[in-house]
């Protein structure tokens, strides 16, 4: 499923193609690329829910000193490196607590057994593209995924 999302990003989102408008056409064409129909359906459903999250309040909260404890289910699915990445991004000010929650929600919605650092990077990129994230933050995340940016070894 993550491979389908990566393909969509690299080949469609990066060129700013409106996925909502072309979702059915994209779903018909992906099997020709070699993806399994079940993986495609899962990725399309996940992406559709993520795109709907644009209406989610991702603006910063007033001075928050809260701490996020992961549930047992989240601990079982999201590995230590991916959780560390979330903490790093929030503590560095790259994401707000509401974006953190959205990130965790979308990671838990992936139809895979375990979410590692690589999968979380893709989730992060899709989530940030649908929030009020600054363009330079998105570009930095994208570079860390596609180019192995040495300055972004924390994510």
N, C-alpha and C. Protein backbone atom coordinates (compact mmCIF):
# COMPACT_ATOMS: atom_id res chain seq x y z
N UNK A 1 0.82 -1.20 0.00
CA UNK A 1 0.00 0.00 0.00
C UNK A 1 0.87 1.26 0.00
N UNK A 2 1.92 1.24 0.79
CA UNK A 2 2.80 2.41 0.86
C UNK A 2 3.49 2.62 -0.49
N UNK A 3 3.78 1.52 -1.17
CA UNK A 3 4.41 1.63 -2.50
C UNK A 3 3.48 2.35 -3.48
N UNK A 4 2.19 2.08 -3.38
CA UNK A 4 1.21 2.76 -4.24
C UNK A 4 1.17 4.24 -3.91
N UNK A 5 1.17 4.57 -2.61
CA UNK A 5 1.16 5.97 -2.20
C UNK A 5 2.42 6.69 -2.67
N UNK A 6 3.55 6.03 -2.56
CA UNK A 6 4.81 6.62 -3.03
C UNK A 6 4.76 6.86 -4.53
N UNK A 7 4.22 5.90 -5.26
CA UNK A 7 4.09 6.05 -6.72
C UNK A 7 3.18 7.22 -7.05
N UNK A 8 2.06 7.33 -6.34
CA UNK A 8 1.13 8.44 -6.59
C UNK A 8 1.80 9.77 -6.33
N UNK A 9 2.54 9.85 -5.23
CA UNK A 9 3.21 11.11 -4.93
C UNK A 9 4.23 11.46 -6.02
N UNK A 10 5.09 10.51 -6.31
CA UNK A 10 6.18 10.77 -7.25
C UNK A 10 5.69 11.06 -8.67
N UNK A 11 4.56 10.47 -9.05
CA UNK A 11 4.10 10.61 -10.42
C UNK A 11 2.91 11.54 -10.62
N UNK A 12 2.19 11.84 -9.56
CA UNK A 12 0.98 12.65 -9.73
C UNK A 12 0.97 13.88 -8.83
N UNK A 13 1.08 13.68 -7.54
CA UNK A 13 1.00 14.82 -6.62
C UNK A 13 2.13 15.79 -6.86
N UNK A 14 3.31 15.26 -7.14
CA UNK A 14 4.46 16.12 -7.36
C UNK A 14 4.23 17.06 -8.55
N UNK A 15 3.41 16.59 -9.50
CA UNK A 15 3.07 17.43 -10.67
C UNK A 15 1.78 18.20 -10.43
N UNK A 16 1.30 18.19 -9.18
CA UNK A 16 0.11 18.93 -8.75
C UNK A 16 -1.14 18.55 -9.54
N UNK A 17 -1.30 17.26 -9.80
CA UNK A 17 -2.51 16.75 -10.43
C UNK A 17 -3.58 16.61 -9.35
N UNK A 18 -4.78 17.09 -9.61
CA UNK A 18 -5.88 17.03 -8.66
C UNK A 18 -6.36 15.58 -8.53
N UNK A 19 -6.01 14.95 -7.43
CA UNK A 19 -6.37 13.54 -7.24
C UNK A 19 -7.87 13.34 -7.11
N UNK A 20 -8.57 14.28 -6.45
CA UNK A 20 -10.02 14.13 -6.32
C UNK A 20 -10.68 14.04 -7.69
N UNK A 21 -10.28 14.89 -8.58
CA UNK A 21 -10.89 14.94 -9.91
C UNK A 21 -10.56 13.72 -10.76
N UNK A 22 -9.41 13.10 -10.51
CA UNK A 22 -8.96 12.00 -11.37
C UNK A 22 -8.87 10.65 -10.66
N UNK A 23 -9.48 10.52 -9.48
CA UNK A 23 -9.33 9.31 -8.67
C UNK A 23 -9.76 8.04 -9.40
N UNK A 24 -10.90 8.06 -10.08
CA UNK A 24 -11.37 6.86 -10.78
C UNK A 24 -10.43 6.47 -11.91
N UNK A 25 -9.99 7.44 -12.67
CA UNK A 25 -9.06 7.18 -13.77
C UNK A 25 -7.74 6.61 -13.24
N UNK A 26 -7.25 7.18 -12.17
CA UNK A 26 -6.01 6.72 -11.56
C UNK A 26 -6.16 5.27 -11.10
N UNK A 27 -7.28 4.95 -10.45
CA UNK A 27 -7.52 3.59 -9.96
C UNK A 27 -7.56 2.59 -11.11
N UNK A 28 -8.05 3.01 -12.27
CA UNK A 28 -8.09 2.11 -13.45
C UNK A 28 -6.71 1.91 -14.05
N UNK A 29 -5.85 2.92 -13.96
CA UNK A 29 -4.53 2.85 -14.60
C UNK A 29 -3.47 2.17 -13.74
N UNK A 30 -3.61 2.19 -12.44
CA UNK A 30 -2.58 1.63 -11.56
C UNK A 30 -2.32 0.14 -11.76
N UNK A 31 -3.33 -0.70 -12.05
CA UNK A 31 -3.01 -2.12 -12.31
C UNK A 31 -2.08 -2.30 -13.51
N UNK A 32 -2.15 -1.41 -14.47
CA UNK A 32 -1.28 -1.50 -15.63
C UNK A 32 0.19 -1.27 -15.25
N UNK A 33 0.41 -0.55 -14.15
CA UNK A 33 1.76 -0.29 -13.67
C UNK A 33 2.30 -1.51 -12.91
N UNK A 34 1.39 -2.38 -12.47
CA UNK A 34 1.80 -3.61 -11.80
C UNK A 34 1.36 -3.73 -10.36
N UNK A 35 0.53 -2.81 -9.90
CA UNK A 35 0.07 -2.88 -8.52
C UNK A 35 -1.15 -3.78 -8.40
N UNK A 36 -1.27 -4.45 -7.26
CA UNK A 36 -2.38 -5.32 -6.93
C UNK A 36 -3.64 -4.48 -6.69
N UNK A 37 -4.78 -4.95 -7.17
CA UNK A 37 -6.04 -4.20 -7.05
C UNK A 37 -6.39 -3.94 -5.59
N UNK A 38 -6.14 -4.91 -4.72
CA UNK A 38 -6.45 -4.72 -3.30
C UNK A 38 -5.57 -3.62 -2.70
N UNK A 39 -4.29 -3.60 -3.06
CA UNK A 39 -3.39 -2.54 -2.59
C UNK A 39 -3.83 -1.18 -3.11
N UNK A 40 -4.24 -1.15 -4.35
CA UNK A 40 -4.70 0.11 -4.97
C UNK A 40 -5.93 0.63 -4.24
N UNK A 41 -6.89 -0.26 -4.03
CA UNK A 41 -8.12 0.16 -3.34
C UNK A 41 -7.82 0.69 -1.94
N UNK A 42 -6.93 -0.01 -1.22
CA UNK A 42 -6.56 0.44 0.12
C UNK A 42 -5.88 1.80 0.09
N UNK A 43 -4.98 1.99 -0.86
CA UNK A 43 -4.26 3.26 -0.98
C UNK A 43 -5.20 4.40 -1.37
N UNK A 44 -6.11 4.12 -2.30
CA UNK A 44 -7.07 5.14 -2.74
C UNK A 44 -7.98 5.54 -1.58
N UNK A 45 -8.48 4.55 -0.83
CA UNK A 45 -9.33 4.85 0.33
C UNK A 45 -8.57 5.67 1.37
N UNK A 46 -7.33 5.25 1.66
CA UNK A 46 -6.50 5.95 2.63
C UNK A 46 -6.26 7.39 2.18
N UNK A 47 -5.92 7.55 0.92
CA UNK A 47 -5.63 8.87 0.39
C UNK A 47 -6.87 9.75 0.39
N UNK A 48 -8.00 9.18 0.05
CA UNK A 48 -9.25 9.93 0.06
C UNK A 48 -9.56 10.46 1.46
N UNK A 49 -9.40 9.61 2.47
CA UNK A 49 -9.63 10.04 3.86
C UNK A 49 -8.62 11.11 4.28
N UNK A 50 -7.38 10.96 3.83
CA UNK A 50 -6.35 11.94 4.16
C UNK A 50 -6.65 13.29 3.50
N UNK A 51 -7.09 13.25 2.25
CA UNK A 51 -7.42 14.49 1.56
C UNK A 51 -8.63 15.18 2.20
N UNK A 52 -9.53 14.40 2.76
CA UNK A 52 -10.69 14.97 3.46
C UNK A 52 -10.26 15.68 4.74
N UNK A 53 -9.09 15.35 5.25
CA UNK A 53 -8.62 15.93 6.50
C UNK A 53 -8.20 17.39 6.35
N UNK A 54 -8.31 17.93 5.15
CA UNK A 54 -7.99 19.34 4.94
C UNK A 54 -8.83 20.23 5.85
N UNK A 55 -10.01 19.76 6.20
CA UNK A 55 -10.90 20.55 7.04
C UNK A 55 -10.57 20.41 8.53
N UNK A 56 -9.67 19.51 8.84
CA UNK A 56 -9.26 19.26 10.22
C UNK A 56 -8.50 20.48 10.74
N UNK A 57 -8.76 20.87 11.97
CA UNK A 57 -8.08 22.03 12.54
C UNK A 57 -6.63 21.67 12.86
N UNK A 58 -5.71 22.15 12.04
CA UNK A 58 -4.29 21.85 12.23
C UNK A 58 -3.52 23.08 12.68
N UNK A 59 -4.22 24.13 13.02
CA UNK A 59 -3.54 25.34 13.49
C UNK A 59 -2.99 25.12 14.89
N UNK A 60 -1.94 25.82 15.24
CA UNK A 60 -1.33 25.64 16.57
C UNK A 60 -2.31 25.95 17.69
N UNK A 61 -2.15 25.22 18.77
CA UNK A 61 -2.92 25.50 19.97
C UNK A 61 -2.23 26.62 20.74
N UNK A 62 -2.96 27.27 21.63
CA UNK A 62 -2.31 28.24 22.51
C UNK A 62 -1.37 27.47 23.42
N UNK A 63 -0.23 28.04 23.72
CA UNK A 63 0.77 27.47 24.62
C UNK A 63 0.36 26.12 25.21
N UNK A 64 0.86 25.08 24.65
CA UNK A 64 0.54 23.75 25.14
C UNK A 64 1.79 23.08 25.69
N UNK A 65 1.69 22.57 26.88
CA UNK A 65 2.79 21.83 27.50
C UNK A 65 2.40 20.37 27.67
N UNK A 66 1.46 19.92 26.87
CA UNK A 66 0.96 18.56 27.01
C UNK A 66 1.97 17.54 26.50
N UNK A 67 1.79 16.31 26.92
CA UNK A 67 2.63 15.20 26.49
C UNK A 67 1.73 14.13 25.90
N UNK A 68 2.12 13.58 24.79
CA UNK A 68 1.31 12.55 24.12
C UNK A 68 1.83 11.17 24.48
N UNK A 69 1.00 10.37 25.11
CA UNK A 69 1.33 8.98 25.39
C UNK A 69 0.62 8.12 24.36
N UNK A 70 1.33 7.20 23.76
CA UNK A 70 0.74 6.33 22.76
C UNK A 70 -0.05 5.21 23.42
N UNK A 71 -1.15 4.82 22.77
CA UNK A 71 -1.96 3.70 23.27
C UNK A 71 -1.23 2.39 22.98
N UNK A 72 -1.70 1.31 23.56
CA UNK A 72 -1.10 0.00 23.32
C UNK A 72 -1.16 -0.37 21.84
N UNK A 73 -2.28 -0.10 21.19
CA UNK A 73 -2.41 -0.40 19.76
C UNK A 73 -1.42 0.42 18.93
N UNK A 74 -1.27 1.69 19.28
CA UNK A 74 -0.32 2.55 18.56
C UNK A 74 1.11 2.08 18.77
N UNK A 75 1.43 1.69 20.01
CA UNK A 75 2.77 1.19 20.30
C UNK A 75 3.07 -0.09 19.53
N UNK A 76 2.05 -0.92 19.36
CA UNK A 76 2.24 -2.18 18.64
C UNK A 76 2.43 -1.95 17.14
N UNK A 77 1.82 -0.93 16.61
CA UNK A 77 1.87 -0.71 15.15
C UNK A 77 2.96 0.27 14.74
N UNK A 78 3.13 1.35 15.48
CA UNK A 78 4.09 2.39 15.11
C UNK A 78 5.39 2.11 15.85
N UNK A 79 6.45 1.81 15.10
CA UNK A 79 7.70 1.42 15.76
C UNK A 79 8.39 2.59 16.45
N UNK A 80 9.41 2.25 17.23
CA UNK A 80 10.11 3.23 18.07
C UNK A 80 10.70 4.38 17.25
N UNK A 81 11.32 4.08 16.11
CA UNK A 81 11.91 5.13 15.27
C UNK A 81 10.84 6.08 14.74
N UNK A 82 9.71 5.54 14.32
CA UNK A 82 8.63 6.38 13.80
C UNK A 82 8.05 7.26 14.90
N UNK A 83 7.88 6.70 16.09
CA UNK A 83 7.40 7.51 17.23
C UNK A 83 8.41 8.59 17.58
N UNK A 84 9.69 8.24 17.55
CA UNK A 84 10.74 9.22 17.82
C UNK A 84 10.72 10.35 16.81
N UNK A 85 10.42 10.01 15.56
CA UNK A 85 10.34 11.02 14.51
C UNK A 85 9.19 11.99 14.81
N UNK A 86 8.07 11.46 15.25
CA UNK A 86 6.92 12.30 15.59
C UNK A 86 7.29 13.25 16.73
N UNK A 87 7.90 12.72 17.78
CA UNK A 87 8.32 13.57 18.90
C UNK A 87 9.30 14.65 18.44
N UNK A 88 10.27 14.25 17.63
CA UNK A 88 11.26 15.21 17.13
C UNK A 88 10.58 16.33 16.35
N UNK A 89 9.68 15.98 15.45
CA UNK A 89 9.01 16.99 14.61
C UNK A 89 8.17 17.95 15.44
N UNK A 90 7.49 17.41 16.45
CA UNK A 90 6.67 18.28 17.29
C UNK A 90 7.54 19.16 18.18
N UNK A 91 8.54 18.58 18.82
CA UNK A 91 9.41 19.36 19.70
C UNK A 91 10.22 20.41 18.95
N UNK A 92 10.47 20.18 17.67
CA UNK A 92 11.21 21.13 16.84
C UNK A 92 10.31 22.20 16.25
N UNK A 93 9.00 22.04 16.43
CA UNK A 93 8.06 23.03 15.92
C UNK A 93 7.65 22.82 14.47
N UNK A 94 8.02 21.69 13.88
CA UNK A 94 7.63 21.42 12.49
C UNK A 94 6.17 21.03 12.37
N UNK A 95 5.65 20.39 13.42
CA UNK A 95 4.23 20.02 13.42
C UNK A 95 3.62 20.48 14.74
N UNK A 96 2.33 20.71 14.71
CA UNK A 96 1.57 21.11 15.89
C UNK A 96 0.93 19.87 16.51
N UNK A 97 0.45 19.94 17.76
CA UNK A 97 -0.24 18.79 18.35
C UNK A 97 -1.42 18.28 17.49
N UNK A 98 -2.25 19.15 16.91
CA UNK A 98 -3.31 18.62 16.05
C UNK A 98 -2.76 17.88 14.82
N UNK A 99 -1.67 18.35 14.24
CA UNK A 99 -1.08 17.66 13.09
C UNK A 99 -0.49 16.33 13.56
N UNK A 100 0.10 16.31 14.74
CA UNK A 100 0.61 15.06 15.32
C UNK A 100 -0.50 14.03 15.41
N UNK A 101 -1.66 14.46 15.90
CA UNK A 101 -2.79 13.54 16.04
C UNK A 101 -3.27 13.03 14.67
N UNK A 102 -3.29 13.91 13.71
CA UNK A 102 -3.68 13.52 12.35
C UNK A 102 -2.67 12.54 11.78
N UNK A 103 -1.41 12.79 12.03
CA UNK A 103 -0.33 11.92 11.56
C UNK A 103 -0.48 10.52 12.16
N UNK A 104 -0.73 10.45 13.45
CA UNK A 104 -0.92 9.16 14.11
C UNK A 104 -2.15 8.46 13.57
N UNK A 105 -3.24 9.20 13.40
CA UNK A 105 -4.47 8.63 12.86
C UNK A 105 -4.24 8.02 11.48
N UNK A 106 -3.56 8.76 10.60
CA UNK A 106 -3.34 8.27 9.24
C UNK A 106 -2.34 7.11 9.23
N UNK A 107 -1.39 7.09 10.15
CA UNK A 107 -0.46 5.95 10.25
C UNK A 107 -1.22 4.70 10.70
N UNK A 108 -2.11 4.86 11.65
CA UNK A 108 -2.89 3.72 12.13
C UNK A 108 -3.85 3.21 11.07
N UNK A 109 -4.25 4.07 10.15
CA UNK A 109 -5.19 3.68 9.09
C UNK A 109 -4.51 2.92 7.95
N UNK A 110 -3.18 2.94 7.90
CA UNK A 110 -2.48 2.18 6.86
C UNK A 110 -2.78 0.69 7.05
N UNK A 111 -3.03 0.01 5.97
CA UNK A 111 -3.36 -1.42 6.04
C UNK A 111 -2.08 -2.24 5.96
N UNK A 112 -1.21 -1.99 6.94
CA UNK A 112 0.02 -2.75 7.09
C UNK A 112 0.19 -3.06 8.57
N UNK A 113 0.99 -4.07 8.89
CA UNK A 113 1.14 -4.50 10.27
C UNK A 113 1.99 -3.56 11.11
N UNK A 114 3.02 -2.98 10.50
CA UNK A 114 3.95 -2.15 11.24
C UNK A 114 4.29 -0.90 10.45
N UNK A 115 4.31 0.22 11.13
CA UNK A 115 4.68 1.49 10.51
C UNK A 115 6.06 1.88 11.02
N UNK A 116 7.03 1.83 10.12
CA UNK A 116 8.38 2.23 10.45
C UNK A 116 8.66 3.64 10.01
N UNK A 117 9.91 4.02 10.10
CA UNK A 117 10.33 5.37 9.77
C UNK A 117 10.03 5.72 8.30
N UNK A 118 10.29 4.80 7.40
CA UNK A 118 10.05 5.06 5.97
C UNK A 118 8.57 5.29 5.69
N UNK A 119 7.72 4.43 6.23
CA UNK A 119 6.27 4.59 6.02
C UNK A 119 5.78 5.88 6.65
N UNK A 120 6.31 6.20 7.84
CA UNK A 120 5.88 7.42 8.52
C UNK A 120 6.28 8.66 7.74
N UNK A 121 7.41 8.62 7.06
CA UNK A 121 7.82 9.76 6.23
C UNK A 121 6.79 10.02 5.14
N UNK A 122 6.31 8.96 4.51
CA UNK A 122 5.31 9.14 3.45
C UNK A 122 4.00 9.66 4.03
N UNK A 123 3.59 9.10 5.17
CA UNK A 123 2.37 9.59 5.82
C UNK A 123 2.53 11.08 6.14
N UNK A 124 3.66 11.43 6.70
CA UNK A 124 3.94 12.82 7.04
C UNK A 124 3.84 13.73 5.82
N UNK A 125 4.41 13.30 4.74
CA UNK A 125 4.38 14.13 3.53
C UNK A 125 2.95 14.35 3.04
N UNK A 126 2.16 13.30 2.99
CA UNK A 126 0.77 13.44 2.54
C UNK A 126 -0.03 14.31 3.51
N UNK A 127 0.18 14.13 4.81
CA UNK A 127 -0.55 14.93 5.80
C UNK A 127 -0.15 16.40 5.69
N UNK A 128 1.14 16.68 5.61
CA UNK A 128 1.58 18.07 5.54
C UNK A 128 1.11 18.78 4.28
N UNK A 129 0.99 18.04 3.20
CA UNK A 129 0.52 18.66 1.96
C UNK A 129 -0.93 19.11 2.07
N UNK A 130 -1.65 18.58 3.06
CA UNK A 130 -3.06 18.91 3.22
C UNK A 130 -3.33 19.77 4.44
N UNK A 131 -2.28 20.37 4.99
CA UNK A 131 -2.45 21.22 6.16
C UNK A 131 -1.85 22.59 5.86
N UNK A 132 -1.68 23.37 6.90
CA UNK A 132 -1.14 24.71 6.74
C UNK A 132 0.38 24.73 6.84
N UNK A 133 1.01 23.60 6.54
CA UNK A 133 2.48 23.51 6.66
C UNK A 133 3.15 24.47 5.68
N UNK A 134 4.28 24.97 6.11
CA UNK A 134 5.05 25.87 5.25
C UNK A 134 5.70 25.07 4.13
N UNK A 135 5.79 25.70 2.99
CA UNK A 135 6.33 25.04 1.81
C UNK A 135 7.75 24.51 2.04
N UNK A 136 8.58 25.26 2.75
CA UNK A 136 9.96 24.81 2.96
C UNK A 136 10.03 23.57 3.84
N UNK A 137 9.09 23.40 4.78
CA UNK A 137 9.05 22.20 5.60
C UNK A 137 8.69 21.00 4.73
N UNK A 138 7.70 21.17 3.87
CA UNK A 138 7.31 20.08 2.97
C UNK A 138 8.46 19.70 2.06
N UNK A 139 9.15 20.69 1.52
CA UNK A 139 10.29 20.41 0.63
C UNK A 139 11.40 19.69 1.38
N UNK A 140 11.62 20.05 2.64
CA UNK A 140 12.66 19.41 3.45
C UNK A 140 12.30 17.94 3.69
N UNK A 141 11.03 17.68 4.02
CA UNK A 141 10.56 16.30 4.23
C UNK A 141 10.70 15.52 2.94
N UNK A 142 10.26 16.11 1.83
CA UNK A 142 10.35 15.44 0.54
C UNK A 142 11.79 15.09 0.20
N UNK A 143 12.70 16.00 0.44
CA UNK A 143 14.12 15.75 0.17
C UNK A 143 14.65 14.62 1.03
N UNK A 144 14.20 14.54 2.27
CA UNK A 144 14.67 13.48 3.15
C UNK A 144 14.20 12.11 2.67
N UNK A 145 13.06 12.09 2.00
CA UNK A 145 12.53 10.83 1.49
C UNK A 145 13.20 10.45 0.18
N UNK A 146 13.23 11.38 -0.73
CA UNK A 146 13.67 11.06 -2.08
C UNK A 146 15.18 11.09 -2.29
N UNK A 147 15.88 11.89 -1.49
CA UNK A 147 17.31 12.04 -1.70
C UNK A 147 18.16 11.60 -0.53
N UNK A 148 17.52 11.16 0.55
CA UNK A 148 18.27 10.78 1.73
C UNK A 148 19.04 11.96 2.29
N UNK A 149 18.41 13.10 2.38
CA UNK A 149 19.02 14.35 2.86
C UNK A 149 19.77 14.13 4.18
N UNK A 150 21.07 14.38 4.19
CA UNK A 150 21.92 14.17 5.36
C UNK A 150 21.53 15.07 6.52
N UNK A 151 20.99 16.24 6.22
CA UNK A 151 20.60 17.17 7.28
C UNK A 151 19.32 16.77 7.98
N UNK A 152 18.65 15.78 7.46
CA UNK A 152 17.35 15.39 8.02
C UNK A 152 17.41 13.97 8.56
N UNK A 153 18.53 13.56 9.15
CA UNK A 153 18.65 12.20 9.64
C UNK A 153 17.72 11.89 10.80
N UNK A 154 17.14 12.88 11.42
CA UNK A 154 16.20 12.65 12.50
C UNK A 154 14.84 12.18 11.99
N UNK A 155 14.57 12.46 10.72
CA UNK A 155 13.27 12.02 10.20
C UNK A 155 13.44 10.97 9.14
